[in-house]
């Protein structure tokens, strides 16, 4: 189902790009939905970069570090030499 929907979306998009179809709505009507979609995406990117202060980190990470008796290093700082 996902492949079929994806193929239909690509086909429709190509028809709009070449001018055979007109979109039923413009991006100006979707700005709120786009913003609401981008907020969690930006939050996920921020968390993956490990730029947040330690006070924002979930206390479960400290508990996991104590249970494993090791220091847990954020993903972006874990580089092999």
PDB file of N, CA and C in Angstrom:
ATOM      1  N   UNK A   1       0.833  -1.183   0.000  1.00  0.00           N
ATOM      2  CA  UNK A   1       0.000   0.000   0.000  1.00  0.00           C
ATOM      3  C   UNK A   1       0.880   1.250   0.000  1.00  0.00           C
ATOM      4  N   UNK A   2       1.933   1.232   0.814  1.00  0.00           N
ATOM      5  CA  UNK A   2       2.819   2.394   0.864  1.00  0.00           C
ATOM      6  C   UNK A   2       3.502   2.625  -0.477  1.00  0.00           C
ATOM      7  N   UNK A   3       3.899   1.556  -1.154  1.00  0.00           N
ATOM      8  CA  UNK A   3       4.547   1.684  -2.463  1.00  0.00           C
ATOM      9  C   UNK A   3       3.557   2.243  -3.484  1.00  0.00           C
ATOM     10  N   UNK A   4       2.339   1.758  -3.452  1.00  0.00           N
ATOM     11  CA  UNK A   4       1.327   2.241  -4.391  1.00  0.00           C
ATOM     12  C   UNK A   4       1.029   3.718  -4.152  1.00  0.00           C
ATOM     13  N   UNK A   5       0.850   4.098  -2.907  1.00  0.00           N
ATOM     14  CA  UNK A   5       0.591   5.502  -2.585  1.00  0.00           C
ATOM     15  C   UNK A   5       1.788   6.360  -2.985  1.00  0.00           C
ATOM     16  N   UNK A   6       2.988   5.881  -2.738  1.00  0.00           N
ATOM     17  CA  UNK A   6       4.186   6.617  -3.135  1.00  0.00           C
ATOM     18  C   UNK A   6       4.275   6.796  -4.639  1.00  0.00           C
ATOM     19  N   UNK A   7       3.979   5.743  -5.393  1.00  0.00           N
ATOM     20  CA  UNK A   7       3.999   5.834  -6.860  1.00  0.00           C
ATOM     21  C   UNK A   7       2.927   6.795  -7.370  1.00  0.00           C
ATOM     22  N   UNK A   8       1.743   6.756  -6.765  1.00  0.00           N
ATOM     23  CA  UNK A   8       0.692   7.700  -7.150  1.00  0.00           C
ATOM     24  C   UNK A   8       1.110   9.138  -6.857  1.00  0.00           C
ATOM     25  N   UNK A   9       1.751   9.360  -5.725  1.00  0.00           N
ATOM     26  CA  UNK A   9       2.204  10.704  -5.377  1.00  0.00           C
ATOM     27  C   UNK A   9       3.278  11.194  -6.343  1.00  0.00           C
ATOM     28  N   UNK A  10       4.207  10.339  -6.692  1.00  0.00           N
ATOM     29  CA  UNK A  10       5.252  10.716  -7.650  1.00  0.00           C
ATOM     30  C   UNK A  10       4.636  10.999  -9.013  1.00  0.00           C
ATOM     31  N   UNK A  11       3.703  10.164  -9.454  1.00  0.00           N
ATOM     32  CA  UNK A  11       3.045  10.373 -10.742  1.00  0.00           C
ATOM     33  C   UNK A  11       2.290  11.692 -10.757  1.00  0.00           C
ATOM     34  N   UNK A  12       1.508  11.951  -9.717  1.00  0.00           N
ATOM     35  CA  UNK A  12       0.757  13.212  -9.615  1.00  0.00           C
ATOM     36  C   UNK A  12       1.709  14.396  -9.600  1.00  0.00           C
ATOM     37  N   UNK A  13       2.801  14.290  -8.843  1.00  0.00           N
ATOM     38  CA  UNK A  13       3.769  15.391  -8.759  1.00  0.00           C
ATOM     39  C   UNK A  13       4.387  15.673 -10.120  1.00  0.00           C
ATOM     40  N   UNK A  14       4.736  14.638 -10.855  1.00  0.00           N
ATOM     41  CA  UNK A  14       5.325  14.826 -12.177  1.00  0.00           C
ATOM     42  C   UNK A  14       4.324  15.482 -13.135  1.00  0.00           C
ATOM     43  N   UNK A  15       3.057  15.085 -13.063  1.00  0.00           N
ATOM     44  CA  UNK A  15       2.036  15.697 -13.905  1.00  0.00           C
ATOM     45  C   UNK A  15       1.847  17.177 -13.572  1.00  0.00           C
ATOM     46  N   UNK A  16       1.960  17.537 -12.306  1.00  0.00           N
ATOM     47  CA  UNK A  16       1.869  18.946 -11.910  1.00  0.00           C
ATOM     48  C   UNK A  16       3.084  19.707 -12.417  1.00  0.00           C
ATOM     49  N   UNK A  17       4.272  19.113 -12.293  1.00  0.00           N
ATOM     50  CA  UNK A  17       5.504  19.791 -12.711  1.00  0.00           C
ATOM     51  C   UNK A  17       5.504  20.046 -14.218  1.00  0.00           C
ATOM     52  N   UNK A  18       5.059  19.094 -15.007  1.00  0.00           N
ATOM     53  CA  UNK A  18       5.079  19.297 -16.456  1.00  0.00           C
ATOM     54  C   UNK A  18       3.879  20.099 -16.952  1.00  0.00           C
ATOM     55  N   UNK A  19       2.937  20.420 -16.068  1.00  0.00           N
ATOM     56  CA  UNK A  19       1.832  21.298 -16.420  1.00  0.00           C
ATOM     57  C   UNK A  19       0.583  20.616 -16.923  1.00  0.00           C
ATOM     58  N   UNK A  20       0.497  19.314 -16.840  1.00  0.00           N
ATOM     59  CA  UNK A  20      -0.711  18.614 -17.296  1.00  0.00           C
ATOM     60  C   UNK A  20      -1.828  18.668 -16.276  1.00  0.00           C
ATOM     61  N   UNK A  21      -1.491  18.888 -15.003  1.00  0.00           N
ATOM     62  CA  UNK A  21      -2.481  19.040 -13.932  1.00  0.00           C
ATOM     63  C   UNK A  21      -2.165  20.301 -13.132  1.00  0.00           C
ATOM     64  N   UNK A  22      -3.192  20.859 -12.534  1.00  0.00           N
ATOM     65  CA  UNK A  22      -3.004  21.985 -11.626  1.00  0.00           C
ATOM     66  C   UNK A  22      -3.234  21.488 -10.209  1.00  0.00           C
ATOM     67  N   UNK A  23      -2.388  21.897  -9.274  1.00  0.00           N
ATOM     68  CA  UNK A  23      -2.636  21.488  -7.889  1.00  0.00           C
ATOM     69  C   UNK A  23      -3.922  22.121  -7.375  1.00  0.00           C
ATOM     70  N   UNK A  24      -4.646  21.393  -6.558  1.00  0.00           N
ATOM     71  CA  UNK A  24      -5.916  21.892  -6.027  1.00  0.00           C
ATOM     72  C   UNK A  24      -5.712  22.940  -4.948  1.00  0.00           C
ATOM     73  N   UNK A  25      -4.507  23.057  -4.429  1.00  0.00           N
ATOM     74  CA  UNK A  25      -4.218  24.018  -3.366  1.00  0.00           C
ATOM     75  C   UNK A  25      -2.760  24.412  -3.478  1.00  0.00           C
ATOM     76  N   UNK A  26      -2.422  25.561  -2.920  1.00  0.00           N
ATOM     77  CA  UNK A  26      -1.048  26.040  -2.944  1.00  0.00           C
ATOM     78  C   UNK A  26      -0.378  25.909  -1.585  1.00  0.00           C
ATOM     79  N   UNK A  27       0.910  26.138  -1.564  1.00  0.00           N
ATOM     80  CA  UNK A  27       1.643  26.056  -0.301  1.00  0.00           C
ATOM     81  C   UNK A  27       1.206  27.129   0.683  1.00  0.00           C
ATOM     82  N   UNK A  28       0.657  28.234   0.186  1.00  0.00           N
ATOM     83  CA  UNK A  28       0.219  29.304   1.090  1.00  0.00           C
ATOM     84  C   UNK A  28      -0.908  28.834   1.998  1.00  0.00           C
ATOM     85  N   UNK A  29      -1.667  27.849   1.569  1.00  0.00           N
ATOM     86  CA  UNK A  29      -2.743  27.321   2.419  1.00  0.00           C
ATOM     87  C   UNK A  29      -2.240  26.260   3.387  1.00  0.00           C
ATOM     88  N   UNK A  30      -1.023  25.766   3.173  1.00  0.00           N
ATOM     89  CA  UNK A  30      -0.491  24.680   3.996  1.00  0.00           C
ATOM     90  C   UNK A  30       0.577  25.133   4.983  1.00  0.00           C
ATOM     91  N   UNK A  31       0.825  26.427   5.114  1.00  0.00           N
ATOM     92  CA  UNK A  31       1.941  26.889   5.939  1.00  0.00           C
ATOM     93  C   UNK A  31       1.815  26.424   7.380  1.00  0.00           C
ATOM     94  N   UNK A  32       0.610  26.393   7.920  1.00  0.00           N
ATOM     95  CA  UNK A  32       0.441  25.960   9.310  1.00  0.00           C
ATOM     96  C   UNK A  32       0.779  24.473   9.462  1.00  0.00           C
ATOM     97  N   UNK A  33       0.333  23.654   8.527  1.00  0.00           N
ATOM     98  CA  UNK A  33       0.649  22.224   8.590  1.00  0.00           C
ATOM     99  C   UNK A  33       2.146  21.979   8.422  1.00  0.00           C
ATOM    100  N   UNK A  34       2.768  22.743   7.537  1.00  0.00           N
ATOM    101  CA  UNK A  34       4.210  22.603   7.336  1.00  0.00           C
ATOM    102  C   UNK A  34       4.957  22.989   8.604  1.00  0.00           C
ATOM    103  N   UNK A  35       4.536  24.064   9.239  1.00  0.00           N
ATOM    104  CA  UNK A  35       5.169  24.496  10.491  1.00  0.00           C
ATOM    105  C   UNK A  35       5.001  23.442  11.580  1.00  0.00           C
ATOM    106  N   UNK A  36       3.794  22.919  11.712  1.00  0.00           N
ATOM    107  CA  UNK A  36       3.550  21.890  12.731  1.00  0.00           C
ATOM    108  C   UNK A  36       4.340  20.615  12.455  1.00  0.00           C
ATOM    109  N   UNK A  37       4.626  20.322  11.204  1.00  0.00           N
ATOM    110  CA  UNK A  37       5.452  19.173  10.849  1.00  0.00           C
ATOM    111  C   UNK A  37       6.918  19.437  11.146  1.00  0.00           C
ATOM    112  N   UNK A  38       7.370  20.671  10.903  1.00  0.00           N
ATOM    113  CA  UNK A  38       8.789  20.991  11.075  1.00  0.00           C
ATOM    114  C   UNK A  38       9.205  21.126  12.541  1.00  0.00           C
ATOM    115  N   UNK A  39       8.283  21.464  13.427  1.00  0.00           N
ATOM    116  CA  UNK A  39       8.639  21.623  14.847  1.00  0.00           C
ATOM    117  C   UNK A  39       9.218  20.329  15.419  1.00  0.00           C
ATOM    118  N   UNK A  40       8.543  19.175  15.323  1.00  0.00           N
ATOM    119  CA  UNK A  40       9.158  17.952  15.870  1.00  0.00           C
ATOM    120  C   UNK A  40      10.395  17.507  15.096  1.00  0.00           C
ATOM    121  N   UNK A  41      10.452  17.804  13.792  1.00  0.00           N
ATOM    122  CA  UNK A  41      11.638  17.450  13.014  1.00  0.00           C
ATOM    123  C   UNK A  41      12.844  18.232  13.534  1.00  0.00           C
ATOM    124  N   UNK A  42      12.667  19.527  13.760  1.00  0.00           N
ATOM    125  CA  UNK A  42      13.761  20.357  14.287  1.00  0.00           C
ATOM    126  C   UNK A  42      14.164  19.901  15.688  1.00  0.00           C
ATOM    127  N   UNK A  43      13.191  19.525  16.495  1.00  0.00           N
ATOM    128  CA  UNK A  43      13.492  19.052  17.845  1.00  0.00           C
ATOM    129  C   UNK A  43      14.299  17.748  17.794  1.00  0.00           C
ATOM    130  N   UNK A  44      13.960  16.855  16.899  1.00  0.00           N
ATOM    131  CA  UNK A  44      14.702  15.597  16.758  1.00  0.00           C
ATOM    132  C   UNK A  44      16.126  15.859  16.290  1.00  0.00           C
ATOM    133  N   UNK A  45      16.300  16.784  15.357  1.00  0.00           N
ATOM    134  CA  UNK A  45      17.644  17.118  14.887  1.00  0.00           C
ATOM    135  C   UNK A  45      18.458  17.725  16.020  1.00  0.00           C
ATOM    136  N   UNK A  46      17.868  18.620  16.788  1.00  0.00           N
ATOM    137  CA  UNK A  46      18.562  19.244  17.917  1.00  0.00           C
ATOM    138  C   UNK A  46      19.006  18.194  18.928  1.00  0.00           C
ATOM    139  N   UNK A  47      18.153  17.232  19.225  1.00  0.00           N
ATOM    140  CA  UNK A  47      18.517  16.188  20.172  1.00  0.00           C
ATOM    141  C   UNK A  47      19.625  15.292  19.635  1.00  0.00           C
ATOM    142  N   UNK A  48      19.634  15.037  18.347  1.00  0.00           N
ATOM    143  CA  UNK A  48      20.658  14.159  17.790  1.00  0.00           C
ATOM    144  C   UNK A  48      22.024  14.829  17.718  1.00  0.00           C
ATOM    145  N   UNK A  49      22.070  16.165  17.780  1.00  0.00           N
ATOM    146  CA  UNK A  49      23.339  16.873  17.715  1.00  0.00           C
ATOM    147  C   UNK A  49      24.030  17.004  19.072  1.00  0.00           C
ATOM    148  N   UNK A  50      23.375  16.663  20.140  1.00  0.00           N
ATOM    149  CA  UNK A  50      23.927  16.738  21.510  1.00  0.00           C
ATOM    150  C   UNK A  50      24.351  18.157  21.865  1.00  0.00           C
ATOM    151  N   UNK A  51      23.611  19.133  21.428  1.00  0.00           N
ATOM    152  CA  UNK A  51      23.911  20.525  21.739  1.00  0.00           C
ATOM    153  C   UNK A  51      23.104  21.048  22.922  1.00  0.00           C
ATOM    154  N   UNK A  52      22.208  20.249  23.432  1.00  0.00           N
ATOM    155  CA  UNK A  52      21.353  20.701  24.523  1.00  0.00           C
ATOM    156  C   UNK A  52      22.109  20.652  25.846  1.00  0.00           C
ATOM    157  N   UNK A  53      21.756  21.536  26.775  1.00  0.00           N
ATOM    158  CA  UNK A  53      22.402  21.489  28.094  1.00  0.00           C
ATOM    159  C   UNK A  53      22.041  20.202  28.838  1.00  0.00           C
ATOM    160  N   UNK A  54      22.902  19.813  29.740  1.00  0.00           N
ATOM    161  CA  UNK A  54      22.686  18.557  30.458  1.00  0.00           C
ATOM    162  C   UNK A  54      21.407  18.582  31.293  1.00  0.00           C
ATOM    163  N   UNK A  55      20.977  19.759  31.711  1.00  0.00           N
ATOM    164  CA  UNK A  55      19.745  19.868  32.490  1.00  0.00           C
ATOM    165  C   UNK A  55      18.525  19.433  31.675  1.00  0.00           C
ATOM    166  N   UNK A  56      18.612  19.475  30.358  1.00  0.00           N
ATOM    167  CA  UNK A  56      17.497  19.066  29.508  1.00  0.00           C
ATOM    168  C   UNK A  56      17.463  17.568  29.276  1.00  0.00           C
ATOM    169  N   UNK A  57      18.528  16.866  29.610  1.00  0.00           N
ATOM    170  CA  UNK A  57      18.594  15.430  29.346  1.00  0.00           C
ATOM    171  C   UNK A  57      17.668  14.674  30.290  1.00  0.00           C
ATOM    172  N   UNK A  58      17.130  13.607  29.807  1.00  0.00           N
ATOM    173  CA  UNK A  58      16.211  12.795  30.605  1.00  0.00           C
ATOM    174  C   UNK A  58      16.999  12.087  31.712  1.00  0.00           C
ATOM    175  N   UNK A  59      16.451  12.061  32.919  1.00  0.00           N
ATOM    176  CA  UNK A  59      17.166  11.403  34.030  1.00  0.00           C
ATOM    177  C   UNK A  59      17.393   9.912  33.822  1.00  0.00           C
ATOM    178  N   UNK A  60      16.662   9.317  32.908  1.00  0.00           N
ATOM    179  CA  UNK A  60      16.841   7.889  32.646  1.00  0.00           C
ATOM    180  C   UNK A  60      18.238   7.578  32.121  1.00  0.00           C
ATOM    181  N   UNK A  61      18.863   8.534  31.401  1.00  0.00           N
ATOM    182  CA  UNK A  61      20.209   8.297  30.891  1.00  0.00           C
ATOM    183  C   UNK A  61      21.212   8.180  32.037  1.00  0.00           C
ATOM    184  N   UNK A  62      21.049   8.990  33.071  1.00  0.00           N
ATOM    185  CA  UNK A  62      21.933   8.890  34.239  1.00  0.00           C
ATOM    186  C   UNK A  62      21.719   7.566  34.960  1.00  0.00           C
ATOM    187  N   UNK A  63      20.462   7.157  35.071  1.00  0.00           N
ATOM    188  CA  UNK A  63      20.162   5.869  35.706  1.00  0.00           C
ATOM    189  C   UNK A  63      20.754   4.715  34.903  1.00  0.00           C
ATOM    190  N   UNK A  64      20.674   4.804  33.588  1.00  0.00           N
ATOM    191  CA  UNK A  64      21.241   3.753  32.735  1.00  0.00           C
ATOM    192  C   UNK A  64      22.752   3.710  32.877  1.00  0.00           C
ATOM    193  N   UNK A  65      23.394   4.870  32.961  1.00  0.00           N
ATOM    194  CA  UNK A  65      24.847   4.917  33.128  1.00  0.00           C
ATOM    195  C   UNK A  65      25.251   4.280  34.456  1.00  0.00           C
ATOM    196  N   UNK A  66      24.490   4.546  35.515  1.00  0.00           N
ATOM    197  CA  UNK A  66      24.795   3.951  36.819  1.00  0.00           C
ATOM    198  C   UNK A  66      24.549   2.444  36.800  1.00  0.00           C
ATOM    199  N   UNK A  67      23.472   1.998  36.161  1.00  0.00           N
ATOM    200  CA  UNK A  67      23.163   0.568  36.113  1.00  0.00           C
ATOM    201  C   UNK A  67      24.204  -0.197  35.310  1.00  0.00           C
ATOM    202  N   UNK A  68      24.716   0.418  34.264  1.00  0.00           N
ATOM    203  CA  UNK A  68      25.725  -0.239  33.426  1.00  0.00           C
ATOM    204  C   UNK A  68      27.138  -0.026  33.941  1.00  0.00           C
ATOM    205  N   UNK A  69      27.274   0.841  34.932  1.00  0.00           N
ATOM    206  CA  UNK A  69      28.566   1.185  35.527  1.00  0.00           C
ATOM    207  C   UNK A  69      29.545   1.664  34.448  1.00  0.00           C
ATOM    208  N   UNK A  70      29.052   2.544  33.608  1.00  0.00           N
ATOM    209  CA  UNK A  70      29.892   3.133  32.576  1.00  0.00           C
ATOM    210  C   UNK A  70      29.325   4.489  32.184  1.00  0.00           C
ATOM    211  N   UNK A  71      30.191   5.312  31.618  1.00  0.00           N
ATOM    212  CA  UNK A  71      29.749   6.612  31.166  1.00  0.00           C
ATOM    213  C   UNK A  71      29.130   6.470  29.778  1.00  0.00           C
ATOM    214  N   UNK A  72      27.919   7.001  29.617  1.00  0.00           N
ATOM    215  CA  UNK A  72      27.260   6.964  28.320  1.00  0.00           C
ATOM    216  C   UNK A  72      27.618   8.242  27.569  1.00  0.00           C
ATOM    217  N   UNK A  73      28.152   8.054  26.370  1.00  0.00           N
ATOM    218  CA  UNK A  73      28.599   9.183  25.558  1.00  0.00           C
ATOM    219  C   UNK A  73      27.539   9.475  24.515  1.00  0.00           C
ATOM    220  N   UNK A  74      27.197  10.752  24.323  1.00  0.00           N
ATOM    221  CA  UNK A  74      26.216  11.080  23.270  1.00  0.00           C
ATOM    222  C   UNK A  74      26.686  10.596  21.911  1.00  0.00           C
ATOM    223  N   UNK A  75      25.767  10.276  21.056  1.00  0.00           N
ATOM    224  CA  UNK A  75      26.064   9.696  19.736  1.00  0.00           C
ATOM    225  C   UNK A  75      27.019  10.556  18.925  1.00  0.00           C
ATOM    226  N   UNK A  76      26.798  11.870  18.885  1.00  0.00           N
ATOM    227  CA  UNK A  76      27.630  12.712  18.030  1.00  0.00           C
ATOM    228  C   UNK A  76      29.065  12.849  18.558  1.00  0.00           C
ATOM    229  N   UNK A  77      29.278  12.544  19.843  1.00  0.00           N
ATOM    230  CA  UNK A  77      30.615  12.627  20.418  1.00  0.00           C
ATOM    231  C   UNK A  77      31.338  11.284  20.393  1.00  0.00           C
ATOM    232  N   UNK A  78      30.680  10.242  19.975  1.00  0.00           N
ATOM    233  CA  UNK A  78      31.249   8.902  19.980  1.00  0.00           C
ATOM    234  C   UNK A  78      31.931   8.641  18.641  1.00  0.00           C
ATOM    235  N   UNK A  79      33.188   9.069  18.543  1.00  0.00           N
ATOM    236  CA  UNK A  79      33.945   8.905  17.299  1.00  0.00           C
ATOM    237  C   UNK A  79      35.096   7.929  17.531  1.00  0.00           C
ATOM    238  N   UNK A  80      35.277   7.040  16.580  1.00  0.00           N
ATOM    239  CA  UNK A  80      36.409   6.127  16.661  1.00  0.00           C
ATOM    240  C   UNK A  80      37.658   6.847  16.182  1.00  0.00           C
ATOM    241  N   UNK A  81      38.789   6.659  16.882  1.00  0.00           N
ATOM    242  CA  UNK A  81      40.030   7.332  16.443  1.00  0.00           C
ATOM    243  C   UNK A  81      40.584   6.736  15.164  1.00  0.00           C
TER     244      UNK A  81
END
